[in-house]
């Protein structure tokens, strides 16, 4: 079988012997799924090139996929490439662009959750235009991520245990005290917790700088059995003012990311 652009054609003669650098360059111009599922099966030589670190390291370089720390290299460049290519935010509607779609309201205290525009203090990512605002009694909302439905098979999660990166942005109002809380759980198939991230409640005093803060956490080496991720966050104001003077949250994310040597 030979490649002709994206189309497979039958070939009944002997394959020409190509210099390895020429073969690698050719494979770099073939869609990655076809490289693994088709080209790798052509012959032993092609299999060795497809399985080589150099091919996938070069793909990463050309497509701009890099580790956060240049001194730490992936254990498996092919796995790193495909995970990076697939990397995306698994949370739906994290910026309140589609009202509350995708979120389950767990507690709706005070005057309930509200969506407001970002105005006084922009986020570092100035494309974020809205946030979820809490009220004078606890407001909490959640999402449950089904990893298999998102394309991460149980065998993959168990064997490779890629890093699971959590991020959330939150800010108080300057004129009212508030509290922020977050809880993220890795769940098994029965939706029982395997690992949990639940830091202490963050408390802001009245008359603060109302700056946006980022909460982050990375789950590593969490063991087999992870099938779901439950993301919960929220808060309230501390002075029981009518309206929406509590903590504000937006731009939340849950991402599957390739681990690297440490």
Protein backbone atom coordinates (compact mmCIF):
# COMPACT_ATOMS: atom_id res chain seq x y z
CA UNK A 1 0.00 0.00 0.00
CA UNK A 2 1.33 3.43 -0.89
CA UNK A 3 0.07 6.88 -0.01
CA UNK A 4 -0.99 9.28 -2.73
CA UNK A 5 -1.95 12.47 -0.90
CA UNK A 6 -4.85 11.31 1.34
CA UNK A 7 -5.92 8.40 -0.90
CA UNK A 8 -4.81 4.77 -0.50
CA UNK A 9 -3.98 2.94 -3.71
CA UNK A 10 -3.20 -0.72 -4.31
CA UNK A 11 0.40 -1.60 -5.07
CA UNK A 12 1.37 -5.09 -6.16
CA UNK A 13 5.09 -4.69 -6.84
CA UNK A 14 8.10 -4.32 -4.55
CA UNK A 15 8.28 -1.22 -2.39
CA UNK A 16 11.24 1.00 -3.24
CA UNK A 17 13.89 1.31 -0.53
CA UNK A 18 13.79 4.89 0.71
CA UNK A 19 16.43 6.64 2.83
CA UNK A 20 15.11 6.93 6.38
CA UNK A 21 15.12 10.74 6.32
CA UNK A 22 13.08 10.72 3.10
CA UNK A 23 10.62 8.18 4.53
CA UNK A 24 10.24 10.21 7.72
CA UNK A 25 9.63 13.41 5.76
CA UNK A 26 7.00 11.64 3.69
CA UNK A 27 5.24 10.36 6.83
CA UNK A 28 5.31 13.84 8.34
CA UNK A 29 3.06 14.94 5.50
CA UNK A 30 0.50 12.16 6.01
CA UNK A 31 -2.43 12.65 8.46
CA UNK A 32 -1.34 11.24 11.85
CA UNK A 33 -4.20 8.75 12.17
CA UNK A 34 -3.29 7.22 8.81
CA UNK A 35 0.37 7.08 9.81
CA UNK A 36 -0.53 4.87 12.79
CA UNK A 37 -3.41 2.85 11.35
CA UNK A 38 -2.15 2.33 7.78
CA UNK A 39 1.48 3.25 7.17
CA UNK A 40 2.69 1.38 10.25
CA UNK A 41 1.38 -1.86 8.72
CA UNK A 42 3.22 -1.57 5.38
CA UNK A 43 6.47 -3.26 6.41
CA UNK A 44 8.96 -3.60 9.25
CA UNK A 45 10.97 -0.56 8.17
CA UNK A 46 7.91 1.66 8.07
CA UNK A 47 6.77 0.34 11.45
CA UNK A 48 10.13 1.24 13.01
CA UNK A 49 9.96 4.79 11.66
CA UNK A 50 6.33 5.23 12.80
CA UNK A 51 7.26 3.96 16.26
CA UNK A 52 10.34 6.18 16.53
CA UNK A 53 10.52 9.15 18.88
CA UNK A 54 12.12 11.30 16.19
CA UNK A 55 9.04 11.24 13.93
CA UNK A 56 6.64 12.40 16.65
CA UNK A 57 9.11 14.81 18.22
CA UNK A 58 9.40 16.51 14.83
CA UNK A 59 5.59 16.57 14.43
CA UNK A 60 5.36 18.26 17.83
CA UNK A 61 7.97 20.82 16.81
CA UNK A 62 6.27 21.64 13.52
CA UNK A 63 2.84 21.98 15.09
CA UNK A 64 4.04 23.94 18.12
CA UNK A 65 3.30 21.32 20.79
CA UNK A 66 5.73 21.92 23.66
CA UNK A 67 6.08 20.92 27.29
CA UNK A 68 5.54 23.69 29.83
CA UNK A 69 9.08 23.07 31.13
CA UNK A 70 11.66 22.68 28.37
CA UNK A 71 13.91 20.65 30.71
CA UNK A 72 11.26 17.91 31.08
CA UNK A 73 10.73 15.67 28.08
CA UNK A 74 7.83 13.31 27.36
CA UNK A 75 8.27 9.63 28.06
CA UNK A 76 6.41 8.81 24.84
CA UNK A 77 6.46 11.44 22.07
CA UNK A 78 3.66 9.78 20.09
CA UNK A 79 1.36 9.72 23.12
CA UNK A 80 2.34 13.31 23.92
CA UNK A 81 1.50 14.38 20.36
CA UNK A 82 -1.96 12.80 20.26
CA UNK A 83 -2.91 13.97 23.76
CA UNK A 84 -1.78 17.52 23.01
CA UNK A 85 -3.67 17.48 19.72
CA UNK A 86 -6.79 16.30 21.52
CA UNK A 87 -6.41 18.70 24.44
CA UNK A 88 -9.50 20.81 25.06
CA UNK A 89 -11.68 22.10 27.88
CA UNK A 90 -14.06 19.31 28.91
CA UNK A 91 -16.38 21.72 30.75
CA UNK A 92 -19.33 23.06 28.77
CA UNK A 93 -20.18 26.76 28.74
CA UNK A 94 -17.43 27.81 31.22
CA UNK A 95 -17.74 31.55 30.46
CA UNK A 96 -21.52 31.95 30.83
CA UNK A 97 -21.86 32.65 27.09
CA UNK A 98 -24.91 30.37 26.90
CA UNK A 99 -26.59 31.29 30.19
CA UNK A 100 -26.50 28.24 32.51
CA UNK A 101 -26.50 25.58 29.80
CA UNK A 102 -24.37 22.58 30.79
CA UNK A 103 -24.41 23.40 34.51
CA UNK A 104 -26.42 21.74 37.26
CA UNK A 105 -27.52 24.23 39.93
CA UNK A 106 -26.93 22.57 43.29
CA UNK A 107 -27.71 25.54 45.57
CA UNK A 108 -29.39 28.76 44.51
CA UNK A 109 -29.43 30.80 47.72
CA UNK A 110 -30.28 34.44 48.29
CA UNK A 111 -31.31 36.10 45.06
CA UNK A 112 -29.94 33.09 43.12
CA UNK A 113 -27.17 32.86 40.55
CA UNK A 114 -26.93 35.63 38.00
CA UNK A 115 -24.87 36.21 34.85
CA UNK A 116 -23.21 39.63 34.57
CA UNK A 117 -20.82 41.27 32.07
CA UNK A 118 -17.14 41.72 32.86
CA UNK A 119 -16.72 45.48 33.27
CA UNK A 120 -14.63 47.00 36.08
CA UNK A 121 -11.70 44.57 36.18
CA UNK A 122 -11.00 42.46 33.07
CA UNK A 123 -9.52 38.99 33.27
CA UNK A 124 -6.01 38.28 31.95
CA UNK A 125 -7.80 36.62 29.03
CA UNK A 126 -9.69 39.63 27.72
CA UNK A 127 -11.88 37.46 25.50
CA UNK A 128 -13.86 36.48 28.61
CA UNK A 129 -16.88 38.77 28.61
CA UNK A 130 -19.22 37.30 31.26
CA UNK A 131 -19.16 35.68 34.68
CA UNK A 132 -21.48 33.87 37.09
CA UNK A 133 -22.31 35.97 40.19
CA UNK A 134 -23.40 34.59 43.57
CA UNK A 135 -25.74 36.10 46.14
CA UNK A 136 -26.05 36.45 49.93
CA UNK A 137 -26.68 32.74 50.59
CA UNK A 138 -24.65 29.86 49.18
CA UNK A 139 -24.76 29.38 45.42
CA UNK A 140 -23.11 26.25 44.00
CA UNK A 141 -23.16 24.64 40.56
CA UNK A 142 -21.56 21.56 39.04
CA UNK A 143 -20.78 19.53 35.94
CA UNK A 144 -20.19 15.80 35.61
CA UNK A 145 -17.73 14.82 32.86
CA UNK A 146 -18.06 11.33 31.39
CA UNK A 147 -14.52 10.59 30.21
CA UNK A 148 -15.46 7.73 27.90
CA UNK A 149 -18.05 9.89 26.12
CA UNK A 150 -15.31 12.51 25.70
CA UNK A 151 -13.13 9.95 23.92
CA UNK A 152 -10.88 8.75 26.77
CA UNK A 153 -11.32 5.00 26.98
CA UNK A 154 -11.09 3.19 30.35
CA UNK A 155 -8.01 1.22 29.27
CA UNK A 156 -6.25 4.43 28.27
CA UNK A 157 -7.05 6.19 31.56
CA UNK A 158 -5.90 3.14 33.56
CA UNK A 159 -2.70 2.44 31.63
CA UNK A 160 -1.41 5.96 30.98
CA UNK A 161 -3.03 8.07 33.71
CA UNK A 162 -2.51 11.42 31.94
CA UNK A 163 -2.43 14.55 34.06
CA UNK A 164 -5.85 16.11 34.72
CA UNK A 165 -5.48 19.88 34.97
CA UNK A 166 -8.07 21.99 36.81
CA UNK A 167 -8.38 25.77 36.54
CA UNK A 168 -10.96 28.26 37.81
CA UNK A 169 -11.05 32.07 37.90
CA UNK A 170 -12.77 33.90 40.76
CA UNK A 171 -13.01 37.45 42.11
CA UNK A 172 -14.80 39.37 44.87
CA UNK A 173 -16.57 42.69 44.60
CA UNK A 174 -14.57 45.54 46.11
CA UNK A 175 -17.40 46.79 48.36
CA UNK A 176 -18.54 43.50 49.94
CA UNK A 177 -16.84 40.55 51.58
CA UNK A 178 -17.30 37.14 49.98
CA UNK A 179 -16.32 33.46 50.06
CA UNK A 180 -15.20 31.15 47.27
CA UNK A 181 -15.17 27.35 47.30
CA UNK A 182 -14.26 24.62 44.82
CA UNK A 183 -14.32 20.82 44.90
CA UNK A 184 -13.19 18.54 42.07
CA UNK A 185 -13.48 14.75 42.34
CA UNK A 186 -12.20 11.89 40.20
CA UNK A 187 -14.88 9.20 40.27
CA UNK A 188 -15.01 5.50 39.44
CA UNK A 189 -17.69 3.83 37.29
CA UNK A 190 -20.09 3.84 40.27
CA UNK A 191 -19.38 7.57 40.68
CA UNK A 192 -17.57 7.04 43.97
CA UNK A 193 -14.56 9.32 44.67
CA UNK A 194 -11.05 8.02 43.97
CA UNK A 195 -9.24 11.36 44.38
CA UNK A 196 -10.47 14.73 45.58
CA UNK A 197 -9.29 18.34 45.42
CA UNK A 198 -11.09 20.45 48.00
CA UNK A 199 -9.02 23.37 49.32
CA UNK A 200 -10.08 25.58 52.22
CA UNK A 201 -12.70 28.21 51.51
CA UNK A 202 -11.13 31.46 50.28
CA UNK A 203 -12.44 34.47 52.22
CA UNK A 204 -12.25 38.08 50.97
CA UNK A 205 -12.75 41.07 53.23
CA UNK A 206 -14.80 44.13 52.36
CA UNK A 207 -12.96 46.94 50.49
CA UNK A 208 -10.55 44.74 48.59
CA UNK A 209 -8.82 45.18 45.22
CA UNK A 210 -11.43 42.95 43.46
CA UNK A 211 -8.73 41.38 41.29
CA UNK A 212 -9.28 38.08 39.52
CA UNK A 213 -7.51 35.05 40.99
CA UNK A 214 -6.82 31.64 39.47
CA UNK A 215 -7.28 28.38 41.33
CA UNK A 216 -5.31 25.51 39.78
CA UNK A 217 -4.63 21.87 40.57
CA UNK A 218 -3.09 18.93 38.71
CA UNK A 219 -4.15 15.34 39.44
CA UNK A 220 -1.19 12.98 38.90
CA UNK A 221 -0.64 9.27 39.47
CA UNK A 222 -4.23 8.85 40.64
CA UNK A 223 -4.43 5.12 40.00
CA UNK A 224 -6.78 3.04 37.85
CA UNK A 225 -10.55 3.28 37.74
CA UNK A 226 -11.19 6.97 36.92
CA UNK A 227 -14.26 7.22 34.69
CA UNK A 228 -15.86 10.57 35.61
CA UNK A 229 -14.81 14.01 36.85
CA UNK A 230 -17.17 16.05 39.01
CA UNK A 231 -16.48 19.82 39.10
CA UNK A 232 -18.24 21.95 41.76
CA UNK A 233 -17.72 25.62 42.64
CA UNK A 234 -19.52 28.62 44.06
CA UNK A 235 -19.75 30.81 47.13
CA UNK A 236 -21.65 33.74 48.60
CA UNK A 237 -21.24 37.21 50.08
CA UNK A 238 -20.49 37.52 53.79
CA UNK A 239 -22.69 40.52 54.60
CA UNK A 240 -26.09 39.26 53.48
CA UNK A 241 -26.74 42.11 51.06
CA UNK A 242 -29.70 41.72 48.71
CA UNK A 243 -28.54 41.31 45.12
CA UNK A 244 -25.35 39.79 43.73
CA UNK A 245 -22.45 40.93 45.88
CA UNK A 246 -20.92 37.48 46.37
CA UNK A 247 -18.00 35.77 44.65
CA UNK A 248 -17.83 35.79 40.85
CA UNK A 249 -16.57 32.80 38.82
CA UNK A 250 -15.81 32.21 35.15
CA UNK A 251 -13.45 30.63 32.59
CA UNK A 252 -13.31 27.30 34.44
CA UNK A 253 -11.55 24.38 32.77
CA UNK A 254 -10.79 20.67 33.08
CA UNK A 255 -8.20 19.34 30.62
CA UNK A 256 -6.51 16.00 29.98
CA UNK A 257 -2.82 16.65 29.39
CA UNK A 258 0.15 14.35 28.65
CA UNK A 259 2.47 13.69 31.57
CA UNK A 260 6.19 14.22 31.12
CA UNK A 261 9.26 12.86 32.89
CA UNK A 262 9.88 14.48 36.24
